[in-house]
PDB file of N, CA and C in Angstrom:
ATOM      1  N   SER A   1     105.167 115.700 116.542  1.00  0.00           N
ATOM      2  CA  SER A   1     107.211 114.890 116.742  1.00  0.00           C
ATOM      3  C   SER A   1     107.311 113.543 116.006  1.00  0.00           C
ATOM      4  N   LEU A   2     106.385 112.874 115.857  1.00  0.00           N
ATOM      5  CA  LEU A   2     106.622 111.660 114.730  1.00  0.00           C
ATOM      6  C   LEU A   2     106.747 112.389 113.155  1.00  0.00           C
ATOM      7  N   LEU A   3     106.106 113.530 112.879  1.00  0.00           N
ATOM      8  CA  LEU A   3     105.999 114.123 111.538  1.00  0.00           C
ATOM      9  C   LEU A   3     107.027 114.225 111.005  1.00  0.00           C
ATOM     10  N   ASN A   4     107.411 115.173 112.026  1.00  0.00           N
ATOM     11  CA  ASN A   4     109.033 116.237 112.212  1.00  0.00           C
ATOM     12  C   ASN A   4     110.287 115.121 111.708  1.00  0.00           C
ATOM     13  N   SER A   5     110.334 113.531 112.834  1.00  0.00           N
ATOM     14  CA  SER A   5     111.069 112.373 112.584  1.00  0.00           C
ATOM     15  C   SER A   5     111.106 112.079 110.955  1.00  0.00           C
ATOM     16  N   VAL A   6     109.678 111.667 110.400  1.00  0.00           N
ATOM     17  CA  VAL A   6     109.864 111.024 109.583  1.00  0.00           C
ATOM     18  C   VAL A   6     110.040 112.155 108.250  1.00  0.00           C
ATOM     19  N   THR A   7     109.715 113.517 108.831  1.00  0.00           N
ATOM     20  CA  THR A   7     110.343 114.235 107.428  1.00  0.00           C
ATOM     21  C   THR A   7     111.849 114.199 107.313  1.00  0.00           C
ATOM     22  N   ASN A   8     112.518 114.544 108.371  1.00  0.00           N
ATOM     23  CA  ASN A   8     113.854 114.461 108.149  1.00  0.00           C
ATOM     24  C   ASN A   8     114.277 113.645 108.193  1.00  0.00           C
ATOM     25  N   ARG A   9     113.919 112.030 107.900  1.00  0.00           N
ATOM     26  CA  ARG A   9     114.363 110.709 107.355  1.00  0.00           C
ATOM     27  C   ARG A   9     114.507 110.969 105.977  1.00  0.00           C
ATOM     28  N   LEU A  10     112.973 111.427 105.658  1.00  0.00           N
ATOM     29  CA  LEU A  10     112.909 111.637 103.912  1.00  0.00           C
ATOM     30  C   LEU A  10     113.454 112.407 103.677  1.00  0.00           C
ATOM     31  N   LYS A  11     114.016 113.377 103.899  1.00  0.00           N
ATOM     32  CA  LYS A  11     114.771 114.404 103.102  1.00  0.00           C
ATOM     33  C   LYS A  11     116.633 113.833 103.458  1.00  0.00           C
ATOM     34  N   GLU A  12     116.927 113.119 104.256  1.00  0.00           N
ATOM     35  CA  GLU A  12     117.949 112.566 103.984  1.00  0.00           C
ATOM     36  C   GLU A  12     118.283 111.483 103.780  1.00  0.00           C
ATOM     37  N   GLN A  13     116.714 110.657 103.228  1.00  0.00           N
ATOM     38  CA  GLN A  13     116.812 109.652 101.593  1.00  0.00           C
ATOM     39  C   GLN A  13     117.283 110.347 100.591  1.00  0.00           C
ATOM     40  N   GLY A  14     116.785 111.900 100.361  1.00  0.00           N
ATOM     41  CA  GLY A  14     116.622 112.585  98.752  1.00  0.00           C
ATOM     42  C   GLY A  14     115.433 112.844  98.739  1.00  0.00           C
ATOM     43  N   ILE A  15     114.541 112.496  99.099  1.00  0.00           N
ATOM     44  CA  ILE A  15     113.094 113.051  99.559  1.00  0.00           C
ATOM     45  C   ILE A  15     112.791 114.678  99.409  1.00  0.00           C
ATOM     46  N   THR A  16     111.698 115.109  98.633  1.00  0.00           N
ATOM     47  CA  THR A  16     111.787 116.206  98.500  1.00  0.00           C
ATOM     48  C   THR A  16     110.309 116.208  99.296  1.00  0.00           C
ATOM     49  N   VAL A  17     110.148 117.089 100.451  1.00  0.00           N
ATOM     50  CA  VAL A  17     109.004 116.891 101.359  1.00  0.00           C
ATOM     51  C   VAL A  17     108.081 118.508 101.697  1.00  0.00           C
ATOM     52  N   TRP A  18     107.002 118.174 100.464  1.00  0.00           N
ATOM     53  CA  TRP A  18     106.689 119.481  99.899  1.00  0.00           C
ATOM     54  C   TRP A  18     105.459 119.578 101.128  1.00  0.00           C
ATOM     55  N   MET A  19     105.272 120.628 102.030  1.00  0.00           N
ATOM     56  CA  MET A  19     104.677 120.712 103.311  1.00  0.00           C
ATOM     57  C   MET A  19     104.234 122.397 103.250  1.00  0.00           C
ATOM     58  N   ASP A  20     103.187 123.224 102.850  1.00  0.00           N
ATOM     59  CA  ASP A  20     103.252 124.507 102.896  1.00  0.00           C
ATOM     60  C   ASP A  20     101.753 124.590 102.402  1.00  0.00           C
ATOM     61  N   ASP A  21     101.569 126.256 102.596  1.00  0.00           N
ATOM     62  CA  ASP A  21      99.950 126.788 102.130  1.00  0.00           C
ATOM     63  C   ASP A  21      99.782 126.354 100.643  1.00  0.00           C
ATOM     64  N   GLU A  22     100.931 126.208  99.835  1.00  0.00           N
ATOM     65  CA  GLU A  22     100.735 125.865  98.262  1.00  0.00           C
ATOM     66  C   GLU A  22     100.343 123.998  98.229  1.00  0.00           C
ATOM     67  N   ALA A  23     101.071 123.296  99.211  1.00  0.00           N
ATOM     68  CA  ALA A  23     100.721 121.804  98.924  1.00  0.00           C
ATOM     69  C   ALA A  23      99.253 121.844  99.423  1.00  0.00           C
ATOM     70  N   ASP A  24      99.009 122.190 100.828  1.00  0.00           N
ATOM     71  CA  ASP A  24      97.680 122.265 101.140  1.00  0.00           C
ATOM     72  C   ASP A  24      96.589 122.672 100.154  1.00  0.00           C
ATOM     73  N   ARG A  25      96.853 123.634 100.040  1.00  0.00           N
ATOM     74  CA  ARG A  25      95.754 124.517  98.437  1.00  0.00           C
ATOM     75  C   ARG A  25      95.511 122.871  97.292  1.00  0.00           C
ATOM     76  N   PHE A  26      96.616 122.623  96.855  1.00  0.00           N
ATOM     77  CA  PHE A  26      97.040 121.012  95.829  1.00  0.00           C
ATOM     78  C   PHE A  26      96.717 120.089  96.229  1.00  0.00           C
ATOM     79  N   LEU A  27      96.813 119.571  97.462  1.00  0.00           N
ATOM     80  CA  LEU A  27      95.815 118.690  98.315  1.00  0.00           C
ATOM     81  C   LEU A  27      94.643 118.858  98.394  1.00  0.00           C
ATOM     82  N   ASN A  28      93.904 119.517  99.090  1.00  0.00           N
ATOM     83  CA  ASN A  28      92.663 120.066  98.812  1.00  0.00           C
ATOM     84  C   ASN A  28      92.190 120.336  97.750  1.00  0.00           C
ATOM     85  N   ASN A  29      92.421 120.992  96.310  1.00  0.00           N
ATOM     86  CA  ASN A  29      92.564 120.240  95.443  1.00  0.00           C
ATOM     87  C   ASN A  29      91.968 118.642  94.987  1.00  0.00           C
ATOM     88  N   SER A  30      93.345 118.415  95.024  1.00  0.00           N
ATOM     89  CA  SER A  30      93.176 116.864  94.419  1.00  0.00           C
ATOM     90  C   SER A  30      92.255 115.946  95.859  1.00  0.00           C
ATOM     91  N   GLY A  31      91.480 116.546  96.632  1.00  0.00           N
ATOM     92  CA  GLY A  31      91.141 115.931  97.175  1.00  0.00           C
ATOM     93  C   GLY A  31      91.872 114.567  98.455  1.00  0.00           C
ATOM     94  N   ALA A  32      92.937 114.784  98.588  1.00  0.00           N
ATOM     95  CA  ALA A  32      93.824 114.226  99.397  1.00  0.00           C
ATOM     96  C   ALA A  32      94.848 114.775 100.534  1.00  0.00           C
ATOM     97  N   GLU A  33      94.768 114.459 101.721  1.00  0.00           N
ATOM     98  CA  GLU A  33      95.930 114.567 102.822  1.00  0.00           C
ATOM     99  C   GLU A  33      97.190 114.160 102.478  1.00  0.00           C
ATOM    100  N   ALA A  34      98.042 113.479 101.243  1.00  0.00           N
ATOM    101  CA  ALA A  34      98.804 113.886 101.223  1.00  0.00           C
ATOM    102  C   ALA A  34      99.153 112.651  99.846  1.00  0.00           C
ATOM    103  N   THR A  35     100.530 112.436  98.981  1.00  0.00           N
ATOM    104  CA  THR A  35     100.542 112.421  97.938  1.00  0.00           C
ATOM    105  C   THR A  35     101.971 112.321  97.414  1.00  0.00           C
ATOM    106  N   THR A  36     102.408 110.735  96.462  1.00  0.00           N
ATOM    107  CA  THR A  36     103.771 110.475  96.247  1.00  0.00           C
ATOM    108  C   THR A  36     103.806 111.360  94.630  1.00  0.00           C
ATOM    109  N   MET A  37     104.843 111.997  94.157  1.00  0.00           N
ATOM    110  CA  MET A  37     104.581 112.255  93.055  1.00  0.00           C
ATOM    111  C   MET A  37     105.895 111.500  92.409  1.00  0.00           C
ATOM    112  N   TYR A  38     105.971 110.549  91.537  1.00  0.00           N
ATOM    113  CA  TYR A  38     107.521 109.873  91.632  1.00  0.00           C
ATOM    114  C   TYR A  38     108.352 110.966  90.925  1.00  0.00           C
ATOM    115  N   PRO A  39     109.647 110.596  90.672  1.00  0.00           N
ATOM    116  CA  PRO A  39     110.140 109.697  91.537  1.00  0.00           C
ATOM    117  C   PRO A  39     110.489 110.129  92.789  1.00  0.00           C
ATOM    118  N   ASP A  40     110.445 111.496  93.130  1.00  0.00           N
ATOM    119  CA  ASP A  40     110.890 111.866  94.237  1.00  0.00           C
ATOM    120  C   ASP A  40     110.662 112.870  95.327  1.00  0.00           C
ATOM    121  N   ILE A  41     109.213 112.924  94.967  1.00  0.00           N
ATOM    122  CA  ILE A  41     108.592 113.980  95.558  1.00  0.00           C
ATOM    123  C   ILE A  41     107.138 113.739  96.615  1.00  0.00           C
ATOM    124  N   ILE A  42     107.055 113.886  97.908  1.00  0.00           N
ATOM    125  CA  ILE A  42     106.415 113.278  98.540  1.00  0.00           C
ATOM    126  C   ILE A  42     105.219 114.965  99.834  1.00  0.00           C
ATOM    127  N   ALA A  43     104.158 114.752  99.130  1.00  0.00           N
ATOM    128  CA  ALA A  43     103.157 116.731  99.572  1.00  0.00           C
ATOM    129  C   ALA A  43     102.560 115.758 101.071  1.00  0.00           C
ATOM    130  N   PHE A  44     102.701 116.173 102.005  1.00  0.00           N
ATOM    131  CA  PHE A  44     101.904 116.360 103.362  1.00  0.00           C
ATOM    132  C   PHE A  44     101.027 117.445 103.580  1.00  0.00           C
ATOM    133  N   HIS A  45      99.323 117.049 103.965  1.00  0.00           N
ATOM    134  CA  HIS A  45      98.780 118.384 104.179  1.00  0.00           C
ATOM    135  C   HIS A  45      99.229 118.554 105.304  1.00  0.00           C
ATOM    136  N   SER A  46      99.237 120.707 105.692  1.00  0.00           N
ATOM    137  CA  SER A  46      99.007 120.760 107.449  1.00  0.00           C
ATOM    138  C   SER A  46      98.144 119.813 108.388  1.00  0.00           C
ATOM    139  N   LYS A  47      96.857 119.542 107.709  1.00  0.00           N
ATOM    140  CA  LYS A  47      96.148 118.704 108.856  1.00  0.00           C
ATOM    141  C   LYS A  47      96.374 117.489 108.582  1.00  0.00           C
ATOM    142  N   LEU A  48      97.500 116.292 108.402  1.00  0.00           N
ATOM    143  CA  LEU A  48      97.516 115.440 108.000  1.00  0.00           C
ATOM    144  C   LEU A  48      97.390 114.423 109.139  1.00  0.00           C
ATOM    145  N   SER A  49      96.654 113.093 108.868  1.00  0.00           N
ATOM    146  CA  SER A  49      96.259 112.207 109.932  1.00  0.00           C
ATOM    147  C   SER A  49      97.546 111.445 109.765  1.00  0.00           C
ATOM    148  N   ALA A  50      97.462 110.453 110.993  1.00  0.00           N
ATOM    149  CA  ALA A  50      98.750 109.515 110.921  1.00  0.00           C
ATOM    150  C   ALA A  50      98.108 108.356 109.996  1.00  0.00           C
ATOM    151  N   SER A  51      97.257 107.553 109.681  1.00  0.00           N
ATOM    152  CA  SER A  51      96.899 107.200 108.719  1.00  0.00           C
ATOM    153  C   SER A  51      97.010 107.717 107.229  1.00  0.00           C
ATOM    154  N   GLY A  52      96.918 109.158 107.098  1.00  0.00           N
ATOM    155  CA  GLY A  52      97.575 109.645 105.856  1.00  0.00           C
ATOM    156  C   GLY A  52      98.841 109.410 105.881  1.00  0.00           C
ATOM    157  N   MET A  53      99.576 109.956 106.766  1.00  0.00           N
ATOM    158  CA  MET A  53     101.467 109.899 106.665  1.00  0.00           C
ATOM    159  C   MET A  53     101.739 108.324 106.532  1.00  0.00           C
ATOM    160  N   TYR A  54     101.157 107.305 107.056  1.00  0.00           N
ATOM    161  CA  TYR A  54     101.973 105.923 107.223  1.00  0.00           C
ATOM    162  C   TYR A  54     101.407 105.515 105.544  1.00  0.00           C
ATOM    163  N   GLU A  55     100.367 105.921 105.127  1.00  0.00           N
ATOM    164  CA  GLU A  55      99.752 105.267 104.268  1.00  0.00           C
ATOM    165  C   GLU A  55     100.835 105.646 102.758  1.00  0.00           C
ATOM    166  N   GLU A  56     100.822 107.255 102.858  1.00  0.00           N
ATOM    167  CA  GLU A  56     101.842 107.894 102.123  1.00  0.00           C
ATOM    168  C   GLU A  56     103.264 107.356 101.910  1.00  0.00           C
ATOM    169  N   LEU A  57     103.712 107.169 102.899  1.00  0.00           N
ATOM    170  CA  LEU A  57     104.835 106.067 103.052  1.00  0.00           C
ATOM    171  C   LEU A  57     105.200 104.981 102.307  1.00  0.00           C
ATOM    172  N   ILE A  58     104.102 104.203 102.816  1.00  0.00           N
ATOM    173  CA  ILE A  58     103.980 102.853 101.572  1.00  0.00           C
ATOM    174  C   ILE A  58     103.999 103.169 100.252  1.00  0.00           C
ATOM    175  N   HIS A  59     103.169 104.207 100.156  1.00  0.00           N
ATOM    176  CA  HIS A  59     102.568 104.464  98.354  1.00  0.00           C
ATOM    177  C   HIS A  59     104.204 104.528  97.961  1.00  0.00           C
ATOM    178  N   LEU A  60     105.068 105.248  98.891  1.00  0.00           N
ATOM    179  CA  LEU A  60     106.275 106.155  98.649  1.00  0.00           C
ATOM    180  C   LEU A  60     107.312 104.755  98.384  1.00  0.00           C
ATOM    181  N   ALA A  61     107.077 103.838  99.058  1.00  0.00           N
ATOM    182  CA  ALA A  61     107.955 102.443  98.965  1.00  0.00           C
ATOM    183  C   ALA A  61     107.349 101.700  97.536  1.00  0.00           C
ATOM    184  N   GLN A  62     106.048 101.809  97.346  1.00  0.00           N
ATOM    185  CA  GLN A  62     105.249 101.069  96.257  1.00  0.00           C
ATOM    186  C   GLN A  62     106.163 101.739  95.180  1.00  0.00           C
ATOM    187  N   ILE A  63     106.013 103.092  95.002  1.00  0.00           N
ATOM    188  CA  ILE A  63     106.074 103.646  93.151  1.00  0.00           C
ATOM    189  C   ILE A  63     107.735 103.444  93.257  1.00  0.00           C
ATOM    190  N   ARG A  64     108.838 103.530  94.280  1.00  0.00           N
ATOM    191  CA  ARG A  64     110.352 103.328  93.784  1.00  0.00           C
ATOM    192  C   ARG A  64     110.646 102.345  93.919  1.00  0.00           C
ATOM    193  N   LYS A  65     109.691 101.433  94.451  1.00  0.00           N
ATOM    194  CA  LYS A  65     109.987  99.795  93.775  1.00  0.00           C
ATOM    195  C   LYS A  65     109.580  99.604  92.525  1.00  0.00           C
ATOM    196  N   LEU A  66     108.534 100.345  91.642  1.00  0.00           N
ATOM    197  CA  LEU A  66     107.897  99.875  90.592  1.00  0.00           C
ATOM    198  C   LEU A  66     108.718 100.687  89.466  1.00  0.00           C
ATOM    199  N   GLY A  67     109.452 101.743  89.911  1.00  0.00           N
ATOM    200  CA  GLY A  67     109.990 102.484  88.961  1.00  0.00           C
ATOM    201  C   GLY A  67     109.792 103.378  88.092  1.00  0.00           C
ATOM    202  N   ARG A  68     108.765 103.703  88.261  1.00  0.00           N
ATOM    203  CA  ARG A  68     108.209 104.716  87.011  1.00  0.00           C
ATOM    204  C   ARG A  68     106.850 104.784  87.718  1.00  0.00           C
ATOM    205  N   GLU A  69     106.324 106.137  87.006  1.00  0.00           N
ATOM    206  CA  GLU A  69     104.534 106.433  87.391  1.00  0.00           C
ATOM    207  C   GLU A  69     103.617 105.297  87.219  1.00  0.00           C
ATOM    208  N   PRO A  70     103.455 105.176  88.065  1.00  0.00           N
ATOM    209  CA  PRO A  70     102.201 103.708  87.695  1.00  0.00           C
ATOM    210  C   PRO A  70     100.925 104.078  86.886  1.00  0.00           C
ATOM    211  N   THR A  71     100.601 102.629  86.468  1.00  0.00           N
ATOM    212  CA  THR A  71      99.103 103.247  85.628  1.00  0.00           C
ATOM    213  C   THR A  71      97.637 103.096  86.574  1.00  0.00           C
ATOM    214  N   ALA A  72      96.920 103.839  85.754  1.00  0.00           N
ATOM    215  CA  ALA A  72      95.677 103.872  86.618  1.00  0.00           C
ATOM    216  C   ALA A  72      95.229 102.546  87.531  1.00  0.00           C
ATOM    217  N   THR A  73      95.164 101.578  87.006  1.00  0.00           N
ATOM    218  CA  THR A  73      95.329 100.387  87.454  1.00  0.00           C
ATOM    219  C   THR A  73      96.263  99.693  88.412  1.00  0.00           C
ATOM    220  N   GLU A  74      97.359 100.174  88.570  1.00  0.00           N
ATOM    221  CA  GLU A  74      98.241  99.655  89.649  1.00  0.00           C
ATOM    222  C   GLU A  74      98.420 100.653  90.616  1.00  0.00           C
ATOM    223  N   ARG A  75      97.935 101.997  89.775  1.00  0.00           N
ATOM    224  CA  ARG A  75      97.695 102.864  91.071  1.00  0.00           C
ATOM    225  C   ARG A  75      96.340 102.452  92.319  1.00  0.00           C
ATOM    226  N   CYS A  76      94.918 101.831  92.215  1.00  0.00           N
ATOM    227  CA  CYS A  76      94.232 101.365  92.206  1.00  0.00           C
ATOM    228  C   CYS A  76      94.582 100.292  93.162  1.00  0.00           C
ATOM    229  N   LYS A  77      95.090  99.207  92.854  1.00  0.00           N
ATOM    230  CA  LYS A  77      96.048  97.903  93.219  1.00  0.00           C
ATOM    231  C   LYS A  77      97.289  98.805  94.097  1.00  0.00           C
ATOM    232  N   MET A  78      97.850  99.869  93.883  1.00  0.00           N
ATOM    233  CA  MET A  78      98.275 100.128  95.229  1.00  0.00           C
ATOM    234  C   MET A  78      97.494 100.470  96.243  1.00  0.00           C
ATOM    235  N   GLU A  79      96.327 101.642  95.939  1.00  0.00           N
ATOM    236  CA  GLU A  79      95.909 102.018  97.316  1.00  0.00           C
ATOM    237  C   GLU A  79      95.174 100.981  97.960  1.00  0.00           C
ATOM    238  N   ILE A  80      94.541  99.743  97.275  1.00  0.00           N
ATOM    239  CA  ILE A  80      94.207  98.678  97.960  1.00  0.00           C
ATOM    240  C   ILE A  80      95.223  97.885  98.753  1.00  0.00           C
ATOM    241  N   GLU A  81      96.313  97.981  98.375  1.00  0.00           N
ATOM    242  CA  GLU A  81      97.716  96.886  99.285  1.00  0.00           C
ATOM    243  C   GLU A  81      97.967  97.940 100.282  1.00  0.00           C
ATOM    244  N   ALA A  82      98.037  99.607 100.156  1.00  0.00           N
ATOM    245  CA  ALA A  82      98.434 100.188 101.391  1.00  0.00           C
ATOM    246  C   ALA A  82      97.186  99.969 102.646  1.00  0.00           C
ATOM    247  N   LYS A  83      96.110 100.473 101.869  1.00  0.00           N
ATOM    248  CA  LYS A  83      95.378 100.176 102.587  1.00  0.00           C
ATOM    249  C   LYS A  83      94.970  98.793 103.838  1.00  0.00           C
ATOM    250  N   GLU A  84      95.266  97.911 103.197  1.00  0.00           N
ATOM    251  CA  GLU A  84      94.815  96.939 103.806  1.00  0.00           C
ATOM    252  C   GLU A  84      96.072  96.234 104.801  1.00  0.00           C
ATOM    253  N   LYS A  85      97.069  97.276 104.576  1.00  0.00           N
ATOM    254  CA  LYS A  85      98.772  97.027 105.206  1.00  0.00           C
ATOM    255  C   LYS A  85      98.006  97.866 106.457  1.00  0.00           C
ATOM    256  N   LEU A  86      97.386  99.416 106.327  1.00  0.00           N
ATOM    257  CA  LEU A  86      97.198 100.094 107.321  1.00  0.00           C
ATOM    258  C   LEU A  86      95.992  99.198 108.390  1.00  0.00           C
ATOM    259  N   LEU A  87      95.091  98.442 108.044  1.00  0.00           N
ATOM    260  CA  LEU A  87      94.505  97.600 108.820  1.00  0.00           C
ATOM    261  C   LEU A  87      95.178  96.658 109.531  1.00  0.00           C
ATOM    262  N   ARG A  88      96.198  96.150 108.665  1.00  0.00           N
ATOM    263  CA  ARG A  88      96.672  94.950 109.620  1.00  0.00           C
ATOM    264  C   ARG A  88      97.713  95.581 110.757  1.00  0.00           C
ATOM    265  N   ASN A  89      97.729  96.833 110.659  1.00  0.00           N
ATOM    266  CA  ASN A  89      99.020  97.230 111.459  1.00  0.00           C
ATOM    267  C   ASN A  89      98.561  98.664 112.014  1.00  0.00           C
ATOM    268  N   SER A  90      96.750  98.349 112.076  1.00  0.00           N
ATOM    269  CA  SER A  90      95.575  99.770 112.697  1.00  0.00           C
ATOM    270  C   SER A  90      96.415 100.431 114.235  1.00  0.00           C
ATOM    271  N   LYS A  91      96.680  98.904 114.952  1.00  0.00           N
ATOM    272  CA  LYS A  91      96.664  99.355 116.780  1.00  0.00           C
ATOM    273  C   LYS A  91      98.438  99.978 116.561  1.00  0.00           C
ATOM    274  N   ALA A  92      99.258  99.376 115.826  1.00  0.00           N
ATOM    275  CA  ALA A  92     100.365 100.399 115.535  1.00  0.00           C
ATOM    276  C   ALA A  92     100.816 101.346 115.333  1.00  0.00           C
ATOM    277  N   TYR A  93      99.955 101.681 114.030  1.00  0.00           N
ATOM    278  CA  TYR A  93      99.971 103.162 113.650  1.00  0.00           C
ATOM    279  C   TYR A  93      99.058 104.429 114.318  1.00  0.00           C
ATOM    280  N   GLY A  94      98.314 103.408 115.422  1.00  0.00           N
ATOM    281  CA  GLY A  94      97.579 105.026 116.285  1.00  0.00           C
ATOM    282  C   GLY A  94      96.456 104.683 114.765  1.00  0.00           C
ATOM    283  N   ILE A  95      95.705 103.678 114.667  1.00  0.00           N
ATOM    284  CA  ILE A  95      94.580 104.604 113.426  1.00  0.00           C
ATOM    285  C   ILE A  95      93.439 104.274 114.838  1.00  0.00           C
ATOM    286  N   THR A  96      92.042 105.052 114.335  1.00  0.00           N
ATOM    287  CA  THR A  96      91.179 105.391 115.026  1.00  0.00           C
ATOM    288  C   THR A  96      90.121 104.082 114.368  1.00  0.00           C
ATOM    289  N   GLU A  97      89.471 103.837 115.138  1.00  0.00           N
ATOM    290  CA  GLU A  97      87.917 102.907 114.811  1.00  0.00           C
ATOM    291  C   GLU A  97      87.406 103.600 113.461  1.00  0.00           C
ATOM    292  N   TYR A  98      87.311 105.329 113.668  1.00  0.00           N
ATOM    293  CA  TYR A  98      86.583 106.133 112.690  1.00  0.00           C
ATOM    294  C   TYR A  98      87.239 105.784 111.312  1.00  0.00           C
ATOM    295  N   GLU A  99      88.800 105.982 111.505  1.00  0.00           N
ATOM    296  CA  GLU A  99      89.717 106.013 110.275  1.00  0.00           C
ATOM    297  C   GLU A  99      89.183 104.336 110.016  1.00  0.00           C
ATOM    298  N   ILE A 100      88.922 103.759 110.807  1.00  0.00           N
ATOM    299  CA  ILE A 100      89.299 102.320 110.000  1.00  0.00           C
ATOM    300  C   ILE A 100      87.860 101.616 109.050  1.00  0.00           C
ATOM    301  N   GLU A 101      87.038 102.453 109.536  1.00  0.00           N
ATOM    302  CA  GLU A 101      85.582 102.750 108.673  1.00  0.00           C
ATOM    303  C   GLU A 101      86.009 103.051 107.031  1.00  0.00           C
ATOM    304  N   ILE A 102      86.464 104.016 107.843  1.00  0.00           N
ATOM    305  CA  ILE A 102      86.943 105.136 105.942  1.00  0.00           C
ATOM    306  C   ILE A 102      87.605 104.024 105.560  1.00  0.00           C
ATOM    307  N   ILE A 103      88.576 104.007 105.461  1.00  0.00           N
ATOM    308  CA  ILE A 103      89.617 102.615 104.744  1.00  0.00           C
ATOM    309  C   ILE A 103      88.872 101.918 104.509  1.00  0.00           C
ATOM    310  N   LYS A 104      88.129 100.961 104.774  1.00  0.00           N
ATOM    311  CA  LYS A 104      87.343  99.707 104.441  1.00  0.00           C
ATOM    312  C   LYS A 104      86.551 100.308 103.660  1.00  0.00           C
ATOM    313  N   GLU A 105      85.746 101.485 103.188  1.00  0.00           N
ATOM    314  CA  GLU A 105      84.854 102.055 102.517  1.00  0.00           C
ATOM    315  C   GLU A 105      85.712 102.380 101.610  1.00  0.00           C
ATOM    316  N   ASN A 106      87.259 103.023 101.809  1.00  0.00           N
ATOM    317  CA  ASN A 106      88.013 103.210 100.852  1.00  0.00           C
ATOM    318  C   ASN A 106      88.234 102.371  99.615  1.00  0.00           C
ATOM    319  N   ILE A 107      88.410 100.928 100.192  1.00  0.00           N
ATOM    320  CA  ILE A 107      89.422  99.947  99.881  1.00  0.00           C
ATOM    321  C   ILE A 107      88.194  99.471  98.753  1.00  0.00           C
ATOM    322  N   SER A 108      86.920  98.842  99.138  1.00  0.00           N
ATOM    323  CA  SER A 108      85.658  98.984  98.330  1.00  0.00           C
ATOM    324  C   SER A 108      85.572  99.519  97.271  1.00  0.00           C
ATOM    325  N   ASP A 109      85.442 101.056  97.377  1.00  0.00           N
ATOM    326  CA  ASP A 109      86.052 101.765  96.536  1.00  0.00           C
ATOM    327  C   ASP A 109      86.570 101.962  95.095  1.00  0.00           C
ATOM    328  N   TYR A 110      88.159 101.582  96.074  1.00  0.00           N
ATOM    329  CA  TYR A 110      88.782 101.289  94.540  1.00  0.00           C
ATOM    330  C   TYR A 110      88.611 100.014  94.050  1.00  0.00           C
ATOM    331  N   ARG A 111      88.453  98.590  95.065  1.00  0.00           N
ATOM    332  CA  ARG A 111      87.742  97.055  94.203  1.00  0.00           C
ATOM    333  C   ARG A 111      87.073  97.896  93.163  1.00  0.00           C
ATOM    334  N   GLN A 112      85.916  98.965  93.216  1.00  0.00           N
ATOM    335  CA  GLN A 112      85.176  99.491  91.796  1.00  0.00           C
ATOM    336  C   GLN A 112      85.646  99.914  90.637  1.00  0.00           C
ATOM    337  N   ARG A 113      86.312 100.422  91.128  1.00  0.00           N
ATOM    338  CA  ARG A 113      87.238 101.210  90.277  1.00  0.00           C
ATOM    339  C   ARG A 113      87.658 100.795  88.871  1.00  0.00           C
ATOM    340  N   ILE A 114      88.915  99.623  89.551  1.00  0.00           N
ATOM    341  CA  ILE A 114      89.245  98.538  89.118  1.00  0.00           C
ATOM    342  C   ILE A 114      89.000  97.880  88.155  1.00  0.00           C
ATOM    343  N   ARG A 115      87.380  97.470  88.643  1.00  0.00           N
ATOM    344  CA  ARG A 115      86.598  96.815  87.427  1.00  0.00           C
ATOM    345  C   ARG A 115      85.344  97.780  86.545  1.00  0.00           C
ATOM    346  N   GLY A 116      85.993  98.887  86.743  1.00  0.00           N
ATOM    347  CA  GLY A 116      85.616  99.935  85.448  1.00  0.00           C
ATOM    348  C   GLY A 116      86.612 100.372  84.688  1.00  0.00           C
ATOM    349  N   LEU A 117      88.124 100.130  84.969  1.00  0.00           N
ATOM    350  CA  LEU A 117      88.706 100.895  83.988  1.00  0.00           C
ATOM    351  C   LEU A 117      88.887  99.284  83.199  1.00  0.00           C
ATOM    352  N   LYS A 118      89.509  99.761  82.080  1.00  0.00           N
ATOM    353  CA  LYS A 118      90.445  99.049  81.009  1.00  0.00           C
ATOM    354  C   LYS A 118      91.592  98.650  80.986  1.00  0.00           C
ATOM    355  N   ASN A 119      92.018  97.842  80.440  1.00  0.00           N
ATOM    356  CA  ASN A 119      93.670  97.549  80.148  1.00  0.00           C
ATOM    357  C   ASN A 119      94.218  98.608  80.126  1.00  0.00           C
ATOM    358  N   ASP A 120      94.705  99.619  80.873  1.00  0.00           N
ATOM    359  CA  ASP A 120      95.515 100.336  80.923  1.00  0.00           C
ATOM    360  C   ASP A 120      97.183 100.542  80.831  1.00  0.00           C
ATOM    361  N   VAL A 121      97.713 100.692  80.123  1.00  0.00           N
ATOM    362  CA  VAL A 121      99.268 100.691  79.751  1.00  0.00           C
ATOM    363  C   VAL A 121     100.151 102.093  80.434  1.00  0.00           C
TER     364      VAL A 121
END
């Protein structure tokens, strides 16, 4: 119900929502449950979690604000920012304790990635 409502609102804004078997295969191969592709496509896995949906909506807003495809460093910073927002709003978003622990681990992983990246353009 929530996903249908979100999907309908995205479509009203001109966003293409990609959610089918092919999207599942694409997301499985990339190890994600959702992704935003600049400028106006969002892919959702059929087994999308609440945290995955909310995080991707945050990313959509980030990328639209940036106005271009982010660099690797920007993408990592966006991941951290989005995950921190998920943690701040975990009760409102209905995020489970299990997901919270994964989100915290992911933040740590992205901070490590940033340290390993050179200045990319």
